[in-house]
Amino acid sequence: MTRKNDTDRALAFAGILQALQLVQSTAYGKPYDLEAFQATLSSILLIDAATVEEVYGGVVGVKSGLRLLKTQLMGDKQKPDSELSRYLVVLLHLERKLSKRADLLDKLTEGIERAQKQLEHFDISHTNVLASLADTYAQTISTLQPRIMVKGEPTRLTETSVANPIRALLLAAMRSAVLWRQCGGTRLGLLLGRRKLADTAAGLLQGNI
């Protein structure tokens, strides 16, 4: 993908926020949108997609992320989620470190290909696939510093049935962070172009773009 426009950056950034919000929901045991969960996980495996929109199965795949984008960047009627913001800052920092580690990128590719083969037998949200994606995260991104320290219900976080989806979702967040960077996204651009990004997200939600 070589396109680098506002729409692509908004979609990819929404993908980051949606994945991180799903991490929060899982960690605290809050209800979440199953379709958003599946679209977010599926985005990890769609590495040969022709467009950014295709990565998420269409705009609808990151609908909740697009809604969240305006709140997180502009405040809107709600205050930005400070915990989510902390996750975001660390994630973008780690993405730059990851981009310089060819060994970890190779491991990521191997892990993604392994999960792709599992989809021949299991659904994207099957425990076997989640365990595989979680292991890929543990062997790659989790080895970098600083680690993303997920908050939530302490007893839940020790359960494999909770820890694996969280790691898989963090892997999805990183996938979107890499995609955002490939689309020309930068931290300085994010700071200076927040309004434009938020307006683009609003247009996507209204079907005007």
Protein backbone atom coordinates (compact mmCIF):
# COMPACT_ATOMS: atom_id res chain seq x y z
CA MET A 1 0.00 0.00 0.00
CA THR A 2 1.47 3.33 -1.06
CA ARG A 3 -1.48 5.65 -0.50
CA LYS A 4 -0.90 8.23 2.21
CA ASN A 5 -4.04 10.30 2.60
CA ASP A 6 -6.12 11.56 5.52
CA THR A 7 -8.74 8.83 5.09
CA ASP A 8 -6.19 6.03 5.33
CA ARG A 9 -4.51 7.61 8.36
CA ALA A 10 -7.87 8.08 10.09
CA LEU A 11 -8.81 4.44 9.50
CA ALA A 12 -5.47 3.14 10.75
CA PHE A 13 -5.50 5.40 13.80
CA ALA A 14 -9.07 4.33 14.55
CA GLY A 15 -7.78 0.75 14.33
CA ILE A 16 -5.22 1.52 17.04
CA LEU A 17 -7.77 3.11 19.37
CA GLN A 18 -10.36 0.40 18.82
CA ALA A 19 -7.85 -2.34 19.67
CA LEU A 20 -6.71 -0.52 22.81
CA GLN A 21 -10.28 0.06 23.96
CA LEU A 22 -11.00 -3.64 23.49
CA VAL A 23 -7.94 -4.36 25.64
CA GLN A 24 -9.48 -2.21 28.36
CA SER A 25 -12.88 -3.85 28.10
CA THR A 26 -11.35 -7.33 28.28
CA ALA A 27 -9.12 -6.42 31.22
CA TYR A 28 -12.00 -4.98 33.26
CA GLY A 29 -14.58 -7.55 32.20
CA LYS A 30 -16.76 -4.99 30.44
CA PRO A 31 -19.04 -5.88 27.52
CA TYR A 32 -17.71 -5.15 24.04
CA ASP A 33 -18.80 -5.32 20.41
CA LEU A 34 -18.05 -8.83 19.14
CA GLU A 35 -17.95 -7.67 15.51
CA ALA A 36 -15.37 -5.01 16.41
CA PHE A 37 -13.38 -7.66 18.30
CA GLN A 38 -13.32 -9.99 15.31
CA ALA A 39 -12.54 -7.21 12.81
CA THR A 40 -9.67 -6.03 14.99
CA LEU A 41 -8.16 -9.50 15.32
CA SER A 42 -8.64 -10.20 11.61
CA SER A 43 -6.68 -7.05 10.75
CA ILE A 44 -3.52 -8.73 12.08
CA LEU A 45 -3.69 -11.40 9.41
CA LEU A 46 -4.64 -9.24 6.43
CA ILE A 47 -1.07 -8.27 5.60
CA ASP A 48 -1.55 -8.37 1.83
CA ALA A 49 -4.65 -6.16 1.67
CA ALA A 50 -4.78 -3.76 -1.28
CA THR A 51 -6.24 -0.89 0.75
CA VAL A 52 -6.38 0.24 4.38
CA GLU A 53 -10.16 -0.08 4.35
CA GLU A 54 -9.82 -3.72 3.31
CA VAL A 55 -7.60 -4.43 6.33
CA TYR A 56 -10.58 -3.80 8.61
CA GLY A 57 -13.25 -5.32 6.41
CA GLY A 58 -14.54 -1.87 5.46
CA VAL A 59 -15.18 1.31 7.43
CA VAL A 60 -17.72 -0.56 9.56
CA GLY A 61 -14.87 -2.67 10.96
CA VAL A 62 -13.44 0.32 12.85
CA LYS A 63 -16.67 2.19 13.52
CA SER A 64 -16.17 2.29 17.28
CA GLY A 65 -12.56 3.37 16.78
CA LEU A 66 -13.63 6.25 14.54
CA ARG A 67 -16.09 7.40 17.20
CA LEU A 68 -13.39 7.19 19.82
CA LEU A 69 -10.92 9.14 17.69
CA LYS A 70 -12.71 12.47 18.07
CA THR A 71 -13.08 12.06 21.83
CA GLN A 72 -9.42 11.14 22.33
CA LEU A 73 -8.00 13.87 20.10
CA MET A 74 -10.44 16.75 20.57
CA GLY A 75 -12.17 16.08 23.87
CA ASP A 76 -15.61 16.53 22.28
CA LYS A 77 -18.41 16.17 24.86
CA GLN A 78 -16.42 13.61 26.83
CA LYS A 79 -12.95 13.89 28.30
CA PRO A 80 -10.25 11.76 26.67
CA ASP A 81 -9.60 8.47 28.44
CA SER A 82 -6.26 9.04 30.20
CA GLU A 83 -5.54 5.32 30.52
CA LEU A 84 -6.12 4.83 26.82
CA SER A 85 -3.85 7.79 26.09
CA ARG A 86 -1.05 6.23 28.13
CA TYR A 87 -1.37 2.98 26.22
CA LEU A 88 -1.26 4.92 22.95
CA VAL A 89 1.90 6.86 23.84
CA VAL A 90 3.77 3.69 24.80
CA LEU A 91 2.51 1.81 21.74
CA LEU A 92 3.71 4.47 19.29
CA HIS A 93 7.07 4.54 21.05
CA LEU A 94 7.38 0.77 20.78
CA GLU A 95 6.41 0.84 17.10
CA ARG A 96 9.49 2.93 16.32
CA LYS A 97 11.68 0.46 18.23
CA LEU A 98 10.07 -2.50 16.50
CA SER A 99 10.67 -0.98 13.06
CA LYS A 100 14.43 -1.14 13.69
CA ARG A 101 14.43 -4.80 14.75
CA ALA A 102 14.57 -7.03 11.68
CA ASP A 103 14.78 -10.13 13.89
CA LEU A 104 11.51 -9.32 15.65
CA LEU A 105 9.80 -8.38 12.40
CA ASP A 106 10.76 -11.80 11.01
CA LYS A 107 9.29 -13.47 14.11
CA LEU A 108 6.11 -11.43 13.70
CA THR A 109 5.78 -12.58 10.10
CA GLU A 110 6.27 -16.22 11.14
CA GLY A 111 3.66 -15.88 13.90
CA ILE A 112 1.14 -14.26 11.58
CA GLU A 113 1.63 -16.95 8.95
CA ARG A 114 1.12 -19.62 11.63
CA ALA A 115 -2.15 -18.01 12.69
CA GLN A 116 -3.26 -17.72 9.07
CA LYS A 117 -2.89 -21.49 8.69
CA GLN A 118 -4.92 -22.04 11.86
CA LEU A 119 -7.83 -20.17 10.28
CA GLU A 120 -8.24 -23.11 7.92
CA HIS A 121 -9.59 -25.01 10.93
CA PHE A 122 -10.67 -22.40 13.50
CA ASP A 123 -12.48 -19.09 13.77
CA ILE A 124 -10.41 -15.94 14.42
CA SER A 125 -11.66 -15.78 18.03
CA HIS A 126 -11.02 -19.49 18.77
CA THR A 127 -8.85 -20.12 21.85
CA ASN A 128 -6.17 -21.84 19.74
CA VAL A 129 -5.81 -18.83 17.44
CA LEU A 130 -5.84 -16.40 20.37
CA ALA A 131 -3.14 -18.44 22.10
CA SER A 132 -1.02 -18.38 18.95
CA LEU A 133 -1.38 -14.62 18.49
CA ALA A 134 -0.68 -14.06 22.20
CA ASP A 135 2.49 -16.13 21.93
CA THR A 136 3.61 -14.09 18.92
CA TYR A 137 3.10 -10.91 20.94
CA ALA A 138 5.04 -12.35 23.90
CA GLN A 139 7.96 -13.38 21.66
CA THR A 140 8.20 -10.02 19.89
CA ILE A 141 6.63 -6.79 21.11
CA SER A 142 6.62 -7.85 24.76
CA THR A 143 10.42 -8.15 24.68
CA LEU A 144 10.78 -4.41 24.00
CA GLN A 145 10.91 -1.73 26.69
CA PRO A 146 8.88 -0.12 28.09
CA ARG A 147 6.23 -2.81 28.14
CA ILE A 148 2.57 -1.86 27.96
CA MET A 149 1.32 -2.41 31.50
CA VAL A 150 -2.37 -3.24 31.20
CA LYS A 151 -4.61 -2.30 34.11
CA GLY A 152 -7.77 -4.15 35.01
CA GLU A 153 -9.25 -6.58 37.48
CA PRO A 154 -6.17 -8.30 39.04
CA THR A 155 -7.83 -11.70 39.29
CA ARG A 156 -8.96 -11.57 35.65
CA LEU A 157 -5.53 -10.65 34.33
CA THR A 158 -4.03 -13.87 35.69
CA GLU A 159 -6.49 -16.02 33.72
CA THR A 160 -5.24 -17.40 30.40
CA SER A 161 -8.70 -16.89 28.89
CA VAL A 162 -8.27 -13.16 29.54
CA ALA A 163 -4.51 -12.71 29.11
CA ASN A 164 -4.41 -14.30 25.65
CA PRO A 165 -7.10 -12.08 24.10
CA ILE A 166 -5.43 -9.01 25.63
CA ARG A 167 -2.06 -9.91 24.10
CA ALA A 168 -3.72 -10.68 20.77
CA LEU A 169 -5.47 -7.30 20.83
CA LEU A 170 -2.21 -5.52 21.68
CA LEU A 171 -0.71 -7.25 18.65
CA ALA A 172 -3.61 -5.87 16.60
CA ALA A 173 -2.98 -2.39 18.02
CA MET A 174 0.64 -2.64 16.91
CA ARG A 175 -0.42 -3.84 13.46
CA SER A 176 -2.54 -0.70 13.11
CA ALA A 177 0.30 1.47 14.46
CA VAL A 178 2.63 0.09 11.79
CA LEU A 179 -0.06 0.68 9.16
CA TRP A 180 -0.62 4.24 10.41
CA ARG A 181 3.10 4.95 10.07
CA GLN A 182 3.12 3.44 6.57
CA CYS A 183 0.31 5.84 5.67
CA GLY A 184 2.45 8.81 6.69
CA GLY A 185 1.32 9.10 10.29
CA THR A 186 3.75 10.78 12.70
CA ARG A 187 3.51 11.95 16.29
CA LEU A 188 4.16 15.55 15.21
CA GLY A 189 1.56 15.28 12.49
CA LEU A 190 -0.86 13.90 15.05
CA LEU A 191 -0.26 16.88 17.31
CA LEU A 192 -0.62 19.47 14.57
CA GLY A 193 -3.33 17.77 12.54
CA ARG A 194 -5.72 16.55 15.23
CA ARG A 195 -8.67 18.58 13.96
CA LYS A 196 -8.29 17.36 10.39
CA LEU A 197 -8.01 13.75 11.52
CA ALA A 198 -11.09 14.10 13.72
CA ASP A 199 -13.05 15.73 10.89
CA THR A 200 -12.03 12.92 8.53
CA ALA A 201 -13.21 10.34 11.05
CA ALA A 202 -16.54 12.15 11.39
CA GLY A 203 -16.92 12.16 7.61
CA LEU A 204 -16.24 8.44 7.42
CA LEU A 205 -18.88 7.76 10.06
CA GLN A 206 -21.41 9.83 8.13
CA GLY A 207 -20.54 8.07 4.88
CA ASN A 208 -19.34 11.28 3.25
CA ILE A 209 -15.85 10.03 2.39
